[in-house]
Amino acid sequence: MAIIITDECINCGACEPECPNNAIYEGGAEWRFSDGTSLRGPFQRMNGTEIDSDAAQEPVNMDHYYIVPDKCTECVGFHDEPQCASVCPVDCCVDDENVRETKEELLAKKNRMHF
């Protein structure tokens, strides 16, 4: 599964630098698959669509920090636990019940982004 940031976020920014996949962005900020990864050029998203990894994507949230589910690996392959949740002072980094992935899937995603 991925991690989400709930509406309780106080926009402190503690989570953003902790993410090894650069999957966390400030509210309203555009994001790219290539940000903080080895990806360049065409990339196949989790839903099967192909996009340019260098193309700017619409913000997931306009009001507070957000996590891009297609880039989140729950820190699998980097750390023993999600670092965003471990540093969040208000415990608003939680499991996303709408995005479920096995450890193997998360590791495969990590390996696709960081080759």
PDB file of N, CA and C in Angstrom:
ATOM      1  N   MET A   1       0.839  -1.176   0.000  1.00  0.00           N
ATOM      2  CA  MET A   1       0.000   0.000   0.000  1.00  0.00           C
ATOM      3  C   MET A   1       0.882   1.236   0.000  1.00  0.00           C
ATOM      4  N   ALA A   2       0.314   2.347  -0.292  1.00  0.00           N
ATOM      5  CA  ALA A   2       1.037   3.613  -0.235  1.00  0.00           C
ATOM      6  C   ALA A   2       0.638   4.322   1.061  1.00  0.00           C
ATOM      7  N   ILE A   3       1.301   5.403   1.310  1.00  0.00           N
ATOM      8  CA  ILE A   3       0.994   6.240   2.460  1.00  0.00           C
ATOM      9  C   ILE A   3       0.297   7.494   1.924  1.00  0.00           C
ATOM     10  N   ILE A   4      -0.657   8.022   2.683  1.00  0.00           N
ATOM     11  CA  ILE A   4      -1.280   9.295   2.344  1.00  0.00           C
ATOM     12  C   ILE A   4      -1.057  10.273   3.484  1.00  0.00           C
ATOM     13  N   ILE A   5      -1.190  11.535   3.167  1.00  0.00           N
ATOM     14  CA  ILE A   5      -1.131  12.588   4.175  1.00  0.00           C
ATOM     15  C   ILE A   5      -2.545  13.121   4.337  1.00  0.00           C
ATOM     16  N   THR A   6      -3.059  13.061   5.546  1.00  0.00           N
ATOM     17  CA  THR A   6      -4.441  13.460   5.807  1.00  0.00           C
ATOM     18  C   THR A   6      -4.580  14.978   5.920  1.00  0.00           C
ATOM     19  N   ASP A   7      -5.821  15.415   6.008  1.00  0.00           N
ATOM     20  CA  ASP A   7      -6.138  16.837   6.137  1.00  0.00           C
ATOM     21  C   ASP A   7      -5.623  17.446   7.442  1.00  0.00           C
ATOM     22  N   GLU A   8      -5.192  16.611   8.368  1.00  0.00           N
ATOM     23  CA  GLU A   8      -4.647  17.127   9.629  1.00  0.00           C
ATOM     24  C   GLU A   8      -3.238  17.687   9.466  1.00  0.00           C
ATOM     25  N   CYS A   9      -2.674  17.583   8.266  1.00  0.00           N
ATOM     26  CA  CYS A   9      -1.325  18.075   7.987  1.00  0.00           C
ATOM     27  C   CYS A   9      -1.218  19.554   8.359  1.00  0.00           C
ATOM     28  N   ILE A  10      -0.134  19.917   9.056  1.00  0.00           N
ATOM     29  CA  ILE A  10       0.102  21.308   9.453  1.00  0.00           C
ATOM     30  C   ILE A  10       1.128  21.992   8.537  1.00  0.00           C
ATOM     31  N   ASN A  11       1.474  21.342   7.425  1.00  0.00           N
ATOM     32  CA  ASN A  11       2.405  21.888   6.441  1.00  0.00           C
ATOM     33  C   ASN A  11       3.771  22.237   7.032  1.00  0.00           C
ATOM     34  N   CYS A  12       4.248  21.398   7.944  1.00  0.00           N
ATOM     35  CA  CYS A  12       5.555  21.653   8.554  1.00  0.00           C
ATOM     36  C   CYS A  12       6.704  21.278   7.620  1.00  0.00           C
ATOM     37  N   GLY A  13       6.457  20.335   6.679  1.00  0.00           N
ATOM     38  CA  GLY A  13       7.474  19.938   5.726  1.00  0.00           C
ATOM     39  C   GLY A  13       8.478  18.920   6.225  1.00  0.00           C
ATOM     40  N   ALA A  14       8.298  18.402   7.438  1.00  0.00           N
ATOM     41  CA  ALA A  14       9.262  17.439   7.990  1.00  0.00           C
ATOM     42  C   ALA A  14       9.365  16.177   7.147  1.00  0.00           C
ATOM     43  N   CYS A  15       8.289  15.782   6.514  1.00  0.00           N
ATOM     44  CA  CYS A  15       8.252  14.528   5.761  1.00  0.00           C
ATOM     45  C   CYS A  15       8.996  14.591   4.431  1.00  0.00           C
ATOM     46  N   GLU A  16       8.918  15.709   3.759  1.00  0.00           N
ATOM     47  CA  GLU A  16       9.428  15.817   2.388  1.00  0.00           C
ATOM     48  C   GLU A  16      10.886  15.381   2.223  1.00  0.00           C
ATOM     49  N   PRO A  17      11.826  15.886   3.013  1.00  0.00           N
ATOM     50  CA  PRO A  17      13.217  15.477   2.796  1.00  0.00           C
ATOM     51  C   PRO A  17      13.522  14.042   3.220  1.00  0.00           C
ATOM     52  N   GLU A  18      12.620  13.406   3.934  1.00  0.00           N
ATOM     53  CA  GLU A  18      12.840  12.036   4.398  1.00  0.00           C
ATOM     54  C   GLU A  18      12.517  10.988   3.342  1.00  0.00           C
ATOM     55  N   CYS A  19      11.781  11.367   2.306  1.00  0.00           N
ATOM     56  CA  CYS A  19      11.308  10.393   1.312  1.00  0.00           C
ATOM     57  C   CYS A  19      12.409  10.018   0.328  1.00  0.00           C
ATOM     58  N   PRO A  20      12.810   8.744   0.287  1.00  0.00           N
ATOM     59  CA  PRO A  20      13.878   8.321  -0.620  1.00  0.00           C
ATOM     60  C   PRO A  20      13.440   8.277  -2.084  1.00  0.00           C
ATOM     61  N   ASN A  21      12.135   8.351  -2.329  1.00  0.00           N
ATOM     62  CA  ASN A  21      11.615   8.312  -3.696  1.00  0.00           C
ATOM     63  C   ASN A  21      11.188   9.674  -4.212  1.00  0.00           C
ATOM     64  N   ASN A  22      11.358  10.705  -3.385  1.00  0.00           N
ATOM     65  CA  ASN A  22      10.879  12.035  -3.733  1.00  0.00           C
ATOM     66  C   ASN A  22       9.411  11.970  -4.152  1.00  0.00           C
ATOM     67  N   ALA A  23       8.615  11.268  -3.344  1.00  0.00           N
ATOM     68  CA  ALA A  23       7.189  11.105  -3.616  1.00  0.00           C
ATOM     69  C   ALA A  23       6.333  12.117  -2.871  1.00  0.00           C
ATOM     70  N   ILE A  24       6.940  12.967  -2.054  1.00  0.00           N
ATOM     71  CA  ILE A  24       6.201  13.931  -1.241  1.00  0.00           C
ATOM     72  C   ILE A  24       6.441  15.337  -1.782  1.00  0.00           C
ATOM     73  N   TYR A  25       5.329  16.056  -1.957  1.00  0.00           N
ATOM     74  CA  TYR A  25       5.383  17.404  -2.515  1.00  0.00           C
ATOM     75  C   TYR A  25       4.533  18.353  -1.687  1.00  0.00           C
ATOM     76  N   GLU A  26       4.910  19.620  -1.714  1.00  0.00           N
ATOM     77  CA  GLU A  26       4.135  20.654  -1.044  1.00  0.00           C
ATOM     78  C   GLU A  26       2.813  20.852  -1.786  1.00  0.00           C
ATOM     79  N   GLY A  27       1.766  21.158  -1.044  1.00  0.00           N
ATOM     80  CA  GLY A  27       0.468  21.391  -1.657  1.00  0.00           C
ATOM     81  C   GLY A  27       0.549  22.395  -2.788  1.00  0.00           C
ATOM     82  N   GLY A  28      -0.090  22.083  -3.911  1.00  0.00           N
ATOM     83  CA  GLY A  28      -0.104  22.959  -5.075  1.00  0.00           C
ATOM     84  C   GLY A  28       1.078  22.804  -6.000  1.00  0.00           C
ATOM     85  N   ALA A  29       2.090  22.055  -5.597  1.00  0.00           N
ATOM     86  CA  ALA A  29       3.290  21.882  -6.428  1.00  0.00           C
ATOM     87  C   ALA A  29       3.090  20.777  -7.458  1.00  0.00           C
ATOM     88  N   GLU A  30       3.515  21.050  -8.697  1.00  0.00           N
ATOM     89  CA  GLU A  30       3.522  20.008  -9.713  1.00  0.00           C
ATOM     90  C   GLU A  30       4.592  18.986  -9.368  1.00  0.00           C
ATOM     91  N   TRP A  31       4.448  17.761  -9.884  1.00  0.00           N
ATOM     92  CA  TRP A  31       5.424  16.717  -9.609  1.00  0.00           C
ATOM     93  C   TRP A  31       5.779  16.005 -10.902  1.00  0.00           C
ATOM     94  N   ARG A  32       6.894  15.271 -10.856  1.00  0.00           N
ATOM     95  CA  ARG A  32       7.363  14.482 -12.000  1.00  0.00           C
ATOM     96  C   ARG A  32       7.855  13.124 -11.504  1.00  0.00           C
ATOM     97  N   PHE A  33       7.680  12.110 -12.316  1.00  0.00           N
ATOM     98  CA  PHE A  33       8.235  10.795 -11.964  1.00  0.00           C
ATOM     99  C   PHE A  33       9.747  10.856 -11.904  1.00  0.00           C
ATOM    100  N   SER A  34      10.354  11.714 -12.699  1.00  0.00           N
ATOM    101  CA  SER A  34      11.815  11.797 -12.740  1.00  0.00           C
ATOM    102  C   SER A  34      12.411  12.483 -11.510  1.00  0.00           C
ATOM    103  N   ASP A  35      11.608  13.228 -10.755  1.00  0.00           N
ATOM    104  CA  ASP A  35      12.110  13.904  -9.556  1.00  0.00           C
ATOM    105  C   ASP A  35      12.667  12.887  -8.561  1.00  0.00           C
ATOM    106  N   GLY A  36      13.962  12.953  -8.288  1.00  0.00           N
ATOM    107  CA  GLY A  36      14.579  12.099  -7.283  1.00  0.00           C
ATOM    108  C   GLY A  36      14.679  10.630  -7.638  1.00  0.00           C
ATOM    109  N   THR A  37      14.480  10.288  -8.901  1.00  0.00           N
ATOM    110  CA  THR A  37      14.571   8.893  -9.343  1.00  0.00           C
ATOM    111  C   THR A  37      15.537   8.801 -10.523  1.00  0.00           C
ATOM    112  N   SER A  38      15.745   7.591 -11.022  1.00  0.00           N
ATOM    113  CA  SER A  38      16.583   7.383 -12.203  1.00  0.00           C
ATOM    114  C   SER A  38      15.786   7.458 -13.495  1.00  0.00           C
ATOM    115  N   LEU A  39      14.486   7.693 -13.398  1.00  0.00           N
ATOM    116  CA  LEU A  39      13.614   7.657 -14.566  1.00  0.00           C
ATOM    117  C   LEU A  39      13.844   8.838 -15.492  1.00  0.00           C
ATOM    118  N   ARG A  40      13.850   8.553 -16.781  1.00  0.00           N
ATOM    119  CA  ARG A  40      13.923   9.561 -17.825  1.00  0.00           C
ATOM    120  C   ARG A  40      13.117   9.024 -19.001  1.00  0.00           C
ATOM    121  N   GLY A  41      12.410   9.888 -19.686  1.00  0.00           N
ATOM    122  CA  GLY A  41      11.659   9.483 -20.865  1.00  0.00           C
ATOM    123  C   GLY A  41      10.382   8.727 -20.518  1.00  0.00           C
ATOM    124  N   PRO A  42       9.929   7.839 -21.423  1.00  0.00           N
ATOM    125  CA  PRO A  42       8.657   7.128 -21.220  1.00  0.00           C
ATOM    126  C   PRO A  42       8.686   6.233 -19.978  1.00  0.00           C
ATOM    127  N   PHE A  43       7.546   6.195 -19.287  1.00  0.00           N
ATOM    128  CA  PHE A  43       7.413   5.383 -18.076  1.00  0.00           C
ATOM    129  C   PHE A  43       5.980   4.875 -17.990  1.00  0.00           C
ATOM    130  N   GLN A  44       5.825   3.602 -17.608  1.00  0.00           N
ATOM    131  CA  GLN A  44       4.492   3.024 -17.465  1.00  0.00           C
ATOM    132  C   GLN A  44       4.024   3.160 -16.024  1.00  0.00           C
ATOM    133  N   ARG A  45       2.898   3.843 -15.829  1.00  0.00           N
ATOM    134  CA  ARG A  45       2.324   4.054 -14.499  1.00  0.00           C
ATOM    135  C   ARG A  45       1.713   2.766 -13.966  1.00  0.00           C
ATOM    136  N   MET A  46       1.350   2.777 -12.680  1.00  0.00           N
ATOM    137  CA  MET A  46       0.728   1.615 -12.047  1.00  0.00           C
ATOM    138  C   MET A  46      -0.553   1.204 -12.767  1.00  0.00           C
ATOM    139  N   ASN A  47      -1.288   2.174 -13.315  1.00  0.00           N
ATOM    140  CA  ASN A  47      -2.550   1.853 -13.987  1.00  0.00           C
ATOM    141  C   ASN A  47      -2.354   1.390 -15.423  1.00  0.00           C
ATOM    142  N   GLY A  48      -1.091   1.291 -15.868  1.00  0.00           N
ATOM    143  CA  GLY A  48      -0.790   0.778 -17.195  1.00  0.00           C
ATOM    144  C   GLY A  48      -0.602   1.837 -18.264  1.00  0.00           C
ATOM    145  N   THR A  49      -0.967   3.075 -17.984  1.00  0.00           N
ATOM    146  CA  THR A  49      -0.779   4.130 -18.967  1.00  0.00           C
ATOM    147  C   THR A  49       0.688   4.540 -19.024  1.00  0.00           C
ATOM    148  N   GLU A  50       1.117   4.958 -20.198  1.00  0.00           N
ATOM    149  CA  GLU A  50       2.498   5.383 -20.362  1.00  0.00           C
ATOM    150  C   GLU A  50       2.544   6.898 -20.475  1.00  0.00           C
ATOM    151  N   ILE A  51       3.488   7.501 -19.752  1.00  0.00           N
ATOM    152  CA  ILE A  51       3.663   8.943 -19.802  1.00  0.00           C
ATOM    153  C   ILE A  51       5.152   9.264 -19.861  1.00  0.00           C
ATOM    154  N   ASP A  52       5.447  10.520 -20.115  1.00  0.00           N
ATOM    155  CA  ASP A  52       6.825  10.997 -20.091  1.00  0.00           C
ATOM    156  C   ASP A  52       7.185  11.260 -18.635  1.00  0.00           C
ATOM    157  N   SER A  53       8.199  10.585 -18.131  1.00  0.00           N
ATOM    158  CA  SER A  53       8.568  10.726 -16.718  1.00  0.00           C
ATOM    159  C   SER A  53       9.063  12.130 -16.378  1.00  0.00           C
ATOM    160  N   ASP A  54       9.444  12.903 -17.382  1.00  0.00           N
ATOM    161  CA  ASP A  54       9.915  14.266 -17.156  1.00  0.00           C
ATOM    162  C   ASP A  54       8.791  15.303 -17.246  1.00  0.00           C
ATOM    163  N   ALA A  55       7.593  14.865 -17.609  1.00  0.00           N
ATOM    164  CA  ALA A  55       6.465  15.788 -17.768  1.00  0.00           C
ATOM    165  C   ALA A  55       5.872  16.171 -16.417  1.00  0.00           C
ATOM    166  N   ALA A  56       5.561  17.442 -16.264  1.00  0.00           N
ATOM    167  CA  ALA A  56       4.935  17.929 -15.026  1.00  0.00           C
ATOM    168  C   ALA A  56       3.531  17.359 -14.906  1.00  0.00           C
ATOM    169  N   GLN A  57       3.189  16.912 -13.694  1.00  0.00           N
ATOM    170  CA  GLN A  57       1.875  16.341 -13.394  1.00  0.00           C
ATOM    171  C   GLN A  57       1.118  17.280 -12.460  1.00  0.00           C
ATOM    172  N   GLU A  58      -0.189  17.214 -12.517  1.00  0.00           N
ATOM    173  CA  GLU A  58      -1.033  18.050 -11.664  1.00  0.00           C
ATOM    174  C   GLU A  58      -0.817  17.703 -10.190  1.00  0.00           C
ATOM    175  N   PRO A  59      -0.871  18.700  -9.318  1.00  0.00           N
ATOM    176  CA  PRO A  59      -0.760  18.418  -7.877  1.00  0.00           C
ATOM    177  C   PRO A  59      -1.876  17.484  -7.416  1.00  0.00           C
ATOM    178  N   VAL A  60      -1.563  16.595  -6.490  1.00  0.00           N
ATOM    179  CA  VAL A  60      -2.557  15.686  -5.917  1.00  0.00           C
ATOM    180  C   VAL A  60      -3.418  16.442  -4.908  1.00  0.00           C
ATOM    181  N   ASN A  61      -2.841  17.446  -4.257  1.00  0.00           N
ATOM    182  CA  ASN A  61      -3.561  18.230  -3.263  1.00  0.00           C
ATOM    183  C   ASN A  61      -3.085  19.675  -3.372  1.00  0.00           C
ATOM    184  N   MET A  62      -3.995  20.595  -3.239  1.00  0.00           N
ATOM    185  CA  MET A  62      -3.639  22.007  -3.348  1.00  0.00           C
ATOM    186  C   MET A  62      -3.352  22.650  -1.989  1.00  0.00           C
ATOM    187  N   ASP A  63      -3.858  22.056  -0.912  1.00  0.00           N
ATOM    188  CA  ASP A  63      -3.825  22.712   0.393  1.00  0.00           C
ATOM    189  C   ASP A  63      -2.714  22.274   1.332  1.00  0.00           C
ATOM    190  N   HIS A  64      -2.296  21.015   1.232  1.00  0.00           N
ATOM    191  CA  HIS A  64      -1.261  20.533   2.142  1.00  0.00           C
ATOM    192  C   HIS A  64      -0.362  19.542   1.428  1.00  0.00           C
ATOM    193  N   TYR A  65       0.737  19.197   2.073  1.00  0.00           N
ATOM    194  CA  TYR A  65       1.672  18.226   1.490  1.00  0.00           C
ATOM    195  C   TYR A  65       0.918  16.974   1.065  1.00  0.00           C
ATOM    196  N   TYR A  66       1.429  16.331   0.026  1.00  0.00           N
ATOM    197  CA  TYR A  66       0.790  15.109  -0.478  1.00  0.00           C
ATOM    198  C   TYR A  66       1.852  14.118  -0.928  1.00  0.00           C
ATOM    199  N   ILE A  67       1.427  12.858  -1.034  1.00  0.00           N
ATOM    200  CA  ILE A  67       2.300  11.778  -1.486  1.00  0.00           C
ATOM    201  C   ILE A  67       1.747  11.227  -2.793  1.00  0.00           C
ATOM    202  N   VAL A  68       2.602  11.066  -3.786  1.00  0.00           N
ATOM    203  CA  VAL A  68       2.213  10.497  -5.071  1.00  0.00           C
ATOM    204  C   VAL A  68       2.208   8.976  -4.916  1.00  0.00           C
ATOM    205  N   PRO A  69       1.039   8.327  -4.988  1.00  0.00           N
ATOM    206  CA  PRO A  69       0.970   6.875  -4.782  1.00  0.00           C
ATOM    207  C   PRO A  69       1.844   6.065  -5.742  1.00  0.00           C
ATOM    208  N   ASP A  70       1.954   6.525  -6.990  1.00  0.00           N
ATOM    209  CA  ASP A  70       2.760   5.810  -7.979  1.00  0.00           C
ATOM    210  C   ASP A  70       4.255   5.839  -7.664  1.00  0.00           C
ATOM    211  N   LYS A  71       4.682   6.739  -6.772  1.00  0.00           N
ATOM    212  CA  LYS A  71       6.095   6.826  -6.403  1.00  0.00           C
ATOM    213  C   LYS A  71       6.369   6.294  -5.002  1.00  0.00           C
ATOM    214  N   CYS A  72       5.344   6.157  -4.181  1.00  0.00           N
ATOM    215  CA  CYS A  72       5.528   5.721  -2.789  1.00  0.00           C
ATOM    216  C   CYS A  72       5.776   4.218  -2.710  1.00  0.00           C
ATOM    217  N   THR A  73       6.836   3.843  -2.010  1.00  0.00           N
ATOM    218  CA  THR A  73       7.139   2.426  -1.777  1.00  0.00           C
ATOM    219  C   THR A  73       7.125   2.099  -0.289  1.00  0.00           C
ATOM    220  N   GLU A  74       6.569   3.008   0.528  1.00  0.00           N
ATOM    221  CA  GLU A  74       6.590   2.852   1.987  1.00  0.00           C
ATOM    222  C   GLU A  74       8.011   2.668   2.499  1.00  0.00           C
ATOM    223  N   CYS A  75       8.966   3.184   1.756  1.00  0.00           N
ATOM    224  CA  CYS A  75      10.399   3.108   2.064  1.00  0.00           C
ATOM    225  C   CYS A  75      10.966   1.687   1.979  1.00  0.00           C
ATOM    226  N   VAL A  76      10.205   0.748   1.416  1.00  0.00           N
ATOM    227  CA  VAL A  76      10.701  -0.613   1.220  1.00  0.00           C
ATOM    228  C   VAL A  76      11.941  -0.551   0.329  1.00  0.00           C
ATOM    229  N   GLY A  77      12.973  -1.247   0.741  1.00  0.00           N
ATOM    230  CA  GLY A  77      14.231  -1.236   0.015  1.00  0.00           C
ATOM    231  C   GLY A  77      15.184  -0.157   0.496  1.00  0.00           C
ATOM    232  N   PHE A  78      14.696   0.727   1.355  1.00  0.00           N
ATOM    233  CA  PHE A  78      15.514   1.799   1.914  1.00  0.00           C
ATOM    234  C   PHE A  78      15.557   1.745   3.439  1.00  0.00           C
ATOM    235  N   HIS A  79      14.386   1.632   4.065  1.00  0.00           N
ATOM    236  CA  HIS A  79      14.260   1.687   5.525  1.00  0.00           C
ATOM    237  C   HIS A  79      13.283   0.615   6.002  1.00  0.00           C
ATOM    238  N   ASP A  80      13.276   0.360   7.304  1.00  0.00           N
ATOM    239  CA  ASP A  80      12.385  -0.645   7.881  1.00  0.00           C
ATOM    240  C   ASP A  80      10.955  -0.158   8.057  1.00  0.00           C
ATOM    241  N   GLU A  81      10.751   1.165   8.004  1.00  0.00           N
ATOM    242  CA  GLU A  81       9.411   1.732   8.170  1.00  0.00           C
ATOM    243  C   GLU A  81       9.315   3.012   7.355  1.00  0.00           C
ATOM    244  N   PRO A  82       8.090   3.430   7.027  1.00  0.00           N
ATOM    245  CA  PRO A  82       7.930   4.687   6.283  1.00  0.00           C
ATOM    246  C   PRO A  82       8.482   5.865   7.080  1.00  0.00           C
ATOM    247  N   GLN A  83       9.440   6.546   6.491  1.00  0.00           N
ATOM    248  CA  GLN A  83      10.105   7.642   7.193  1.00  0.00           C
ATOM    249  C   GLN A  83       9.202   8.852   7.388  1.00  0.00           C
ATOM    250  N   CYS A  84       8.278   9.094   6.459  1.00  0.00           N
ATOM    251  CA  CYS A  84       7.369  10.226   6.613  1.00  0.00           C
ATOM    252  C   CYS A  84       6.539  10.080   7.882  1.00  0.00           C
ATOM    253  N   ALA A  85       6.038   8.872   8.115  1.00  0.00           N
ATOM    254  CA  ALA A  85       5.223   8.629   9.310  1.00  0.00           C
ATOM    255  C   ALA A  85       6.062   8.735  10.576  1.00  0.00           C
ATOM    256  N   SER A  86       7.311   8.331  10.504  1.00  0.00           N
ATOM    257  CA  SER A  86       8.135   8.352  11.713  1.00  0.00           C
ATOM    258  C   SER A  86       8.527   9.767  12.134  1.00  0.00           C
ATOM    259  N   VAL A  87       8.557  10.727  11.205  1.00  0.00           N
ATOM    260  CA  VAL A  87       8.933  12.091  11.569  1.00  0.00           C
ATOM    261  C   VAL A  87       7.750  13.045  11.691  1.00  0.00           C
ATOM    262  N   CYS A  88       6.570  12.619  11.319  1.00  0.00           N
ATOM    263  CA  CYS A  88       5.408  13.509  11.324  1.00  0.00           C
ATOM    264  C   CYS A  88       4.997  13.856  12.759  1.00  0.00           C
ATOM    265  N   PRO A  89       4.985  15.141  13.101  1.00  0.00           N
ATOM    266  CA  PRO A  89       4.652  15.533  14.473  1.00  0.00           C
ATOM    267  C   PRO A  89       3.173  15.419  14.815  1.00  0.00           C
ATOM    268  N   VAL A  90       2.309  15.280  13.803  1.00  0.00           N
ATOM    269  CA  VAL A  90       0.870  15.190  14.076  1.00  0.00           C
ATOM    270  C   VAL A  90       0.267  13.865  13.597  1.00  0.00           C
ATOM    271  N   ASP A  91       1.111  12.906  13.256  1.00  0.00           N
ATOM    272  CA  ASP A  91       0.665  11.563  12.845  1.00  0.00           C
ATOM    273  C   ASP A  91      -0.358  11.586  11.716  1.00  0.00           C
ATOM    274  N   CYS A  92      -0.101  12.406  10.689  1.00  0.00           N
ATOM    275  CA  CYS A  92      -1.044  12.465   9.572  1.00  0.00           C
ATOM    276  C   CYS A  92      -0.580  11.674   8.350  1.00  0.00           C
ATOM    277  N   CYS A  93       0.553  10.990   8.438  1.00  0.00           N
ATOM    278  CA  CYS A  93       1.023  10.107   7.367  1.00  0.00           C
ATOM    279  C   CYS A  93       0.566   8.695   7.719  1.00  0.00           C
ATOM    280  N   VAL A  94      -0.456   8.217   7.007  1.00  0.00           N
ATOM    281  CA  VAL A  94      -1.096   6.951   7.347  1.00  0.00           C
ATOM    282  C   VAL A  94      -1.230   6.066   6.108  1.00  0.00           C
ATOM    283  N   ASP A  95      -1.552   4.786   6.330  1.00  0.00           N
ATOM    284  CA  ASP A  95      -1.768   3.854   5.226  1.00  0.00           C
ATOM    285  C   ASP A  95      -2.919   4.324   4.349  1.00  0.00           C
ATOM    286  N   ASP A  96      -2.731   4.223   3.045  1.00  0.00           N
ATOM    287  CA  ASP A  96      -3.775   4.537   2.080  1.00  0.00           C
ATOM    288  C   ASP A  96      -4.543   3.248   1.801  1.00  0.00           C
ATOM    289  N   GLU A  97      -5.740   3.152   2.326  1.00  0.00           N
ATOM    290  CA  GLU A  97      -6.533   1.937   2.167  1.00  0.00           C
ATOM    291  C   GLU A  97      -6.972   1.698   0.731  1.00  0.00           C
ATOM    292  N   ASN A  98      -6.844   2.709  -0.132  1.00  0.00           N
ATOM    293  CA  ASN A  98      -7.243   2.570  -1.531  1.00  0.00           C
ATOM    294  C   ASN A  98      -6.113   2.068  -2.428  1.00  0.00           C
ATOM    295  N   VAL A  99      -4.897   2.024  -1.890  1.00  0.00           N
ATOM    296  CA  VAL A  99      -3.741   1.556  -2.666  1.00  0.00           C
ATOM    297  C   VAL A  99      -3.059   0.455  -1.866  1.00  0.00           C
ATOM    298  N   ARG A 100      -3.268  -0.783  -2.266  1.00  0.00           N
ATOM    299  CA  ARG A 100      -2.706  -1.948  -1.563  1.00  0.00           C
ATOM    300  C   ARG A 100      -1.680  -2.635  -2.443  1.00  0.00           C
ATOM    301  N   GLU A 101      -0.471  -2.794  -1.903  1.00  0.00           N
ATOM    302  CA  GLU A 101       0.605  -3.475  -2.621  1.00  0.00           C
ATOM    303  C   GLU A 101       1.358  -4.367  -1.650  1.00  0.00           C
ATOM    304  N   THR A 102       1.868  -5.475  -2.161  1.00  0.00           N
ATOM    305  CA  THR A 102       2.663  -6.379  -1.337  1.00  0.00           C
ATOM    306  C   THR A 102       4.078  -5.824  -1.207  1.00  0.00           C
ATOM    307  N   LYS A 103       4.835  -6.364  -0.264  1.00  0.00           N
ATOM    308  CA  LYS A 103       6.242  -5.974  -0.120  1.00  0.00           C
ATOM    309  C   LYS A 103       6.998  -6.210  -1.427  1.00  0.00           C
ATOM    310  N   GLU A 104       6.685  -7.319  -2.104  1.00  0.00           N
ATOM    311  CA  GLU A 104       7.348  -7.639  -3.363  1.00  0.00           C
ATOM    312  C   GLU A 104       7.027  -6.600  -4.432  1.00  0.00           C
ATOM    313  N   GLU A 105       5.770  -6.168  -4.497  1.00  0.00           N
ATOM    314  CA  GLU A 105       5.372  -5.148  -5.467  1.00  0.00           C
ATOM    315  C   GLU A 105       6.042  -3.814  -5.158  1.00  0.00           C
ATOM    316  N   LEU A 106       6.123  -3.474  -3.876  1.00  0.00           N
ATOM    317  CA  LEU A 106       6.771  -2.228  -3.473  1.00  0.00           C
ATOM    318  C   LEU A 106       8.260  -2.252  -3.813  1.00  0.00           C
ATOM    319  N   LEU A 107       8.914  -3.375  -3.588  1.00  0.00           N
ATOM    320  CA  LEU A 107      10.332  -3.500  -3.918  1.00  0.00           C
ATOM    321  C   LEU A 107      10.543  -3.430  -5.430  1.00  0.00           C
ATOM    322  N   ALA A 108       9.648  -4.063  -6.188  1.00  0.00           N
ATOM    323  CA  ALA A 108       9.748  -3.995  -7.652  1.00  0.00           C
ATOM    324  C   ALA A 108       9.566  -2.554  -8.134  1.00  0.00           C
ATOM    325  N   LYS A 109       8.649  -1.813  -7.523  1.00  0.00           N
ATOM    326  CA  LYS A 109       8.441  -0.409  -7.873  1.00  0.00           C
ATOM    327  C   LYS A 109       9.701   0.401  -7.567  1.00  0.00           C
ATOM    328  N   LYS A 110      10.273   0.160  -6.410  1.00  0.00           N
ATOM    329  CA  LYS A 110      11.512   0.838  -6.018  1.00  0.00           C
ATOM    330  C   LYS A 110      12.615   0.555  -7.037  1.00  0.00           C
ATOM    331  N   ASN A 111      12.754  -0.704  -7.443  1.00  0.00           N
ATOM    332  CA  ASN A 111      13.797  -1.094  -8.385  1.00  0.00           C
ATOM    333  C   ASN A 111      13.568  -0.495  -9.783  1.00  0.00           C
ATOM    334  N   ARG A 112      12.309  -0.271 -10.147  1.00  0.00           N
ATOM    335  CA  ARG A 112      11.996   0.360 -11.443  1.00  0.00           C
ATOM    336  C   ARG A 112      12.366   1.829 -11.424  1.00  0.00           C
ATOM    337  N   MET A 113      12.228   2.470 -10.268  1.00  0.00           N
ATOM    338  CA  MET A 113      12.507   3.903 -10.180  1.00  0.00           C
ATOM    339  C   MET A 113      13.982   4.222  -9.940  1.00  0.00           C
ATOM    340  N   HIS A 114      14.699   3.280  -9.327  1.00  0.00           N
ATOM    341  CA  HIS A 114      16.100   3.511  -8.945  1.00  0.00           C
ATOM    342  C   HIS A 114      16.965   2.389  -9.511  1.00  0.00           C
ATOM    343  N   PHE A 115      17.380   2.529 -10.749  1.00  0.00           N
ATOM    344  CA  PHE A 115      18.197   1.492 -11.390  1.00  0.00           C
ATOM    345  C   PHE A 115      19.600   1.953 -11.610  1.00  0.00           C
TER     346      PHE A 115
END
